[in-house]
């Protein structure tokens, strides 16, 4: 049961992610969303980063390197949260 639930959640998360990416891509193509330089280093070779896939047009523009760092930081924070829970007695 747990594996099925995990697979279902993963599938739903991926669908939401895909829809957000598609919406952002379409908005850029239609001129409704303008690419900006990387907010960290000002590089013009940027990718859209979604902090919240439920807000598909609210993106942070990051170069590939800083986009990867953002995801690594998210992963680190999630692991800290997971492993910082006190064991039940």
N, C-alpha and C. Protein backbone atom coordinates (compact mmCIF):
# COMPACT_ATOMS: atom_id res chain seq x y z
N UNK A 1 0.83 -1.20 0.00
CA UNK A 1 0.00 0.00 0.00
C UNK A 1 0.87 1.26 0.00
N UNK A 2 1.90 1.29 0.82
CA UNK A 2 2.75 2.47 0.90
C UNK A 2 3.43 2.76 -0.44
N UNK A 3 3.92 1.72 -1.11
CA UNK A 3 4.57 1.92 -2.40
C UNK A 3 3.60 2.49 -3.43
N UNK A 4 2.37 2.01 -3.43
CA UNK A 4 1.38 2.52 -4.36
C UNK A 4 1.06 3.98 -4.08
N UNK A 5 0.93 4.31 -2.80
CA UNK A 5 0.64 5.69 -2.41
C UNK A 5 1.79 6.60 -2.80
N UNK A 6 3.00 6.16 -2.55
CA UNK A 6 4.19 6.94 -2.91
C UNK A 6 4.24 7.14 -4.42
N UNK A 7 3.99 6.10 -5.18
CA UNK A 7 4.00 6.19 -6.64
C UNK A 7 2.92 7.15 -7.13
N UNK A 8 1.74 7.08 -6.51
CA UNK A 8 0.65 7.97 -6.89
C UNK A 8 1.02 9.42 -6.62
N UNK A 9 1.58 9.69 -5.44
CA UNK A 9 1.99 11.06 -5.09
C UNK A 9 3.06 11.57 -6.04
N UNK A 10 4.03 10.71 -6.35
CA UNK A 10 5.10 11.09 -7.27
C UNK A 10 4.52 11.45 -8.64
N UNK A 11 3.59 10.63 -9.12
CA UNK A 11 2.97 10.88 -10.42
C UNK A 11 2.22 12.21 -10.42
N UNK A 12 1.47 12.47 -9.36
CA UNK A 12 0.74 13.74 -9.26
C UNK A 12 1.70 14.93 -9.20
N UNK A 13 2.79 14.80 -8.44
CA UNK A 13 3.78 15.87 -8.36
C UNK A 13 4.41 16.13 -9.72
N UNK A 14 4.71 15.06 -10.46
CA UNK A 14 5.30 15.22 -11.78
C UNK A 14 4.33 15.86 -12.76
N UNK A 15 3.05 15.53 -12.66
CA UNK A 15 2.04 16.15 -13.52
C UNK A 15 1.96 17.64 -13.24
N UNK A 16 1.94 18.02 -11.97
CA UNK A 16 1.88 19.43 -11.60
C UNK A 16 3.13 20.15 -12.08
N UNK A 17 4.29 19.55 -11.90
CA UNK A 17 5.55 20.13 -12.35
C UNK A 17 5.53 20.34 -13.87
N UNK A 18 5.10 19.33 -14.59
CA UNK A 18 5.05 19.41 -16.05
C UNK A 18 4.10 20.51 -16.52
N UNK A 19 2.95 20.62 -15.88
CA UNK A 19 1.99 21.67 -16.25
C UNK A 19 2.57 23.06 -15.99
N UNK A 20 3.25 23.22 -14.86
CA UNK A 20 3.85 24.52 -14.53
C UNK A 20 4.95 24.88 -15.54
N UNK A 21 5.78 23.90 -15.88
CA UNK A 21 6.84 24.16 -16.85
C UNK A 21 6.25 24.51 -18.22
N UNK A 22 5.21 23.78 -18.62
CA UNK A 22 4.56 24.07 -19.90
C UNK A 22 3.92 25.45 -19.93
N UNK A 23 3.28 25.83 -18.83
CA UNK A 23 2.64 27.14 -18.75
C UNK A 23 3.68 28.26 -18.83
N UNK A 24 4.80 28.07 -18.13
CA UNK A 24 5.86 29.08 -18.17
C UNK A 24 6.46 29.18 -19.57
N UNK A 25 6.71 28.03 -20.20
CA UNK A 25 7.27 28.01 -21.55
C UNK A 25 6.32 28.73 -22.53
N UNK A 26 5.04 28.41 -22.46
CA UNK A 26 4.06 29.05 -23.34
C UNK A 26 3.99 30.55 -23.10
N UNK A 27 4.04 30.95 -21.85
CA UNK A 27 3.98 32.38 -21.52
C UNK A 27 5.19 33.12 -22.07
N UNK A 28 6.36 32.48 -22.02
CA UNK A 28 7.56 33.10 -22.61
C UNK A 28 7.39 33.22 -24.12
N UNK A 29 6.91 32.15 -24.76
CA UNK A 29 6.72 32.16 -26.21
C UNK A 29 5.71 33.24 -26.64
N UNK A 30 4.69 33.46 -25.82
CA UNK A 30 3.64 34.43 -26.15
C UNK A 30 3.99 35.84 -25.69
N UNK A 31 5.11 36.00 -25.00
CA UNK A 31 5.52 37.32 -24.54
C UNK A 31 4.84 37.77 -23.26
N UNK A 32 4.13 36.86 -22.60
CA UNK A 32 3.46 37.21 -21.33
C UNK A 32 4.40 37.09 -20.14
N UNK A 33 5.50 36.38 -20.33
CA UNK A 33 6.52 36.21 -19.29
C UNK A 33 7.87 36.51 -19.94
N UNK A 34 8.60 37.42 -19.36
CA UNK A 34 9.86 37.87 -19.94
C UNK A 34 11.04 37.25 -19.19
N UNK A 35 11.94 36.65 -19.96
CA UNK A 35 13.16 36.12 -19.35
C UNK A 35 14.00 37.28 -18.81
N UNK A 36 14.54 37.09 -17.65
CA UNK A 36 15.41 38.07 -17.02
C UNK A 36 16.78 37.43 -16.81
N UNK A 37 17.80 38.24 -16.58
CA UNK A 37 19.11 37.65 -16.25
C UNK A 37 19.05 36.89 -14.92
N UNK A 38 20.01 36.00 -14.72
CA UNK A 38 20.10 35.26 -13.46
C UNK A 38 20.08 36.24 -12.30
N UNK A 39 19.23 35.97 -11.34
CA UNK A 39 19.12 36.90 -10.20
C UNK A 39 20.35 36.87 -9.30
N UNK A 40 21.25 35.90 -9.50
CA UNK A 40 22.45 35.82 -8.68
C UNK A 40 23.66 36.42 -9.40
N UNK A 41 23.91 35.96 -10.64
CA UNK A 41 25.14 36.36 -11.33
C UNK A 41 24.92 37.20 -12.58
N UNK A 42 23.67 37.46 -12.93
CA UNK A 42 23.30 38.27 -14.09
C UNK A 42 23.58 37.64 -15.45
N UNK A 43 23.88 36.34 -15.48
CA UNK A 43 24.05 35.63 -16.74
C UNK A 43 22.73 35.69 -17.51
N UNK A 44 22.81 35.75 -18.85
CA UNK A 44 21.59 35.81 -19.65
C UNK A 44 21.13 34.43 -20.11
N UNK A 45 21.94 33.41 -19.90
CA UNK A 45 21.56 32.03 -20.23
C UNK A 45 20.85 31.45 -19.01
N UNK A 46 19.51 31.59 -18.97
CA UNK A 46 18.77 31.29 -17.74
C UNK A 46 17.71 30.21 -17.94
N UNK A 47 17.27 29.68 -16.80
CA UNK A 47 16.19 28.70 -16.72
C UNK A 47 15.18 29.21 -15.70
N UNK A 48 13.93 28.83 -15.90
CA UNK A 48 12.88 29.22 -14.95
C UNK A 48 12.88 28.23 -13.78
N UNK A 49 12.90 28.75 -12.58
CA UNK A 49 12.82 27.92 -11.37
C UNK A 49 11.51 28.23 -10.66
N UNK A 50 10.71 27.20 -10.42
CA UNK A 50 9.44 27.36 -9.70
C UNK A 50 9.65 27.03 -8.22
N UNK A 51 9.36 27.99 -7.35
CA UNK A 51 9.34 27.69 -5.92
C UNK A 51 8.06 26.98 -5.56
N UNK A 52 6.99 27.23 -6.33
CA UNK A 52 5.69 26.63 -6.07
C UNK A 52 5.05 26.30 -7.41
N UNK A 53 4.88 25.03 -7.71
CA UNK A 53 4.30 24.62 -8.98
C UNK A 53 2.83 24.99 -9.11
N UNK A 54 2.20 25.36 -8.01
CA UNK A 54 0.81 25.83 -8.07
C UNK A 54 0.72 27.26 -8.59
N UNK A 55 1.86 27.92 -8.73
CA UNK A 55 1.92 29.28 -9.28
C UNK A 55 2.85 29.23 -10.49
N UNK A 56 2.36 28.72 -11.62
CA UNK A 56 3.23 28.42 -12.74
C UNK A 56 3.91 29.62 -13.40
N UNK A 57 3.37 30.80 -13.25
CA UNK A 57 3.99 31.97 -13.87
C UNK A 57 4.83 32.79 -12.90
N UNK A 58 4.92 32.32 -11.67
CA UNK A 58 5.79 32.98 -10.70
C UNK A 58 7.09 32.17 -10.66
N UNK A 59 8.09 32.69 -11.37
CA UNK A 59 9.35 31.96 -11.50
C UNK A 59 10.52 32.83 -11.08
N UNK A 60 11.60 32.17 -10.74
CA UNK A 60 12.88 32.84 -10.49
C UNK A 60 13.76 32.49 -11.68
N UNK A 61 14.42 33.47 -12.24
CA UNK A 61 15.31 33.23 -13.37
C UNK A 61 16.71 32.99 -12.84
N UNK A 62 17.21 31.78 -13.11
CA UNK A 62 18.52 31.37 -12.62
C UNK A 62 19.32 30.73 -13.75
N UNK A 63 20.63 30.96 -13.75
CA UNK A 63 21.49 30.25 -14.70
C UNK A 63 21.51 28.78 -14.28
N UNK A 64 22.02 27.94 -15.15
CA UNK A 64 22.02 26.50 -14.88
C UNK A 64 22.71 26.18 -13.55
N UNK A 65 23.84 26.81 -13.31
CA UNK A 65 24.60 26.55 -12.08
C UNK A 65 23.81 26.94 -10.83
N UNK A 66 23.23 28.13 -10.84
CA UNK A 66 22.49 28.58 -9.66
C UNK A 66 21.14 27.85 -9.53
N UNK A 67 20.58 27.41 -10.65
CA UNK A 67 19.35 26.62 -10.60
C UNK A 67 19.65 25.29 -9.90
N UNK A 68 20.76 24.69 -10.25
CA UNK A 68 21.15 23.43 -9.60
C UNK A 68 21.40 23.65 -8.11
N UNK A 69 22.07 24.75 -7.76
CA UNK A 69 22.31 25.05 -6.34
C UNK A 69 21.01 25.23 -5.58
N UNK A 70 20.03 25.85 -6.21
CA UNK A 70 18.72 26.05 -5.56
C UNK A 70 18.09 24.70 -5.25
N UNK A 71 18.17 23.76 -6.19
CA UNK A 71 17.59 22.43 -5.95
C UNK A 71 18.38 21.66 -4.90
N UNK A 72 19.68 21.82 -4.88
CA UNK A 72 20.49 21.16 -3.85
C UNK A 72 20.14 21.69 -2.47
N UNK A 73 19.89 22.98 -2.38
CA UNK A 73 19.52 23.59 -1.10
C UNK A 73 18.15 23.08 -0.64
N UNK A 74 17.21 22.96 -1.57
CA UNK A 74 15.89 22.43 -1.24
C UNK A 74 16.02 21.01 -0.71
N UNK A 75 16.84 20.20 -1.37
CA UNK A 75 17.05 18.82 -0.95
C UNK A 75 17.69 18.78 0.43
N UNK A 76 18.68 19.63 0.66
CA UNK A 76 19.35 19.68 1.96
C UNK A 76 18.37 20.04 3.06
N UNK A 77 17.54 21.04 2.82
CA UNK A 77 16.56 21.46 3.84
C UNK A 77 15.54 20.36 4.11
N UNK A 78 15.11 19.67 3.07
CA UNK A 78 14.15 18.57 3.25
C UNK A 78 14.77 17.45 4.07
N UNK A 79 16.03 17.13 3.81
CA UNK A 79 16.70 16.08 4.58
C UNK A 79 16.87 16.48 6.03
N UNK A 80 17.25 17.74 6.26
CA UNK A 80 17.39 18.22 7.64
C UNK A 80 16.07 18.09 8.38
N UNK A 81 15.00 18.48 7.72
CA UNK A 81 13.68 18.40 8.34
C UNK A 81 13.32 16.94 8.65
N UNK A 82 13.60 16.06 7.71
CA UNK A 82 13.27 14.64 7.87
C UNK A 82 14.06 14.02 9.03
N UNK A 83 15.36 14.32 9.08
CA UNK A 83 16.20 13.67 10.07
C UNK A 83 16.27 14.39 11.41
N UNK A 84 15.70 15.59 11.49
CA UNK A 84 15.75 16.32 12.76
C UNK A 84 14.60 15.95 13.68
N UNK A 85 13.65 15.18 13.18
CA UNK A 85 12.52 14.78 14.02
C UNK A 85 13.01 13.88 15.15
N UNK A 86 12.51 14.16 16.31
CA UNK A 86 12.87 13.39 17.49
C UNK A 86 12.18 12.02 17.44
N UNK A 87 12.89 10.96 17.79
CA UNK A 87 12.26 9.65 17.80
C UNK A 87 11.16 9.55 18.85
N UNK A 88 10.13 8.82 18.54
CA UNK A 88 9.04 8.61 19.49
C UNK A 88 9.47 7.62 20.56
N UNK A 89 9.14 7.90 21.78
CA UNK A 89 9.50 7.00 22.90
C UNK A 89 8.34 6.14 23.29
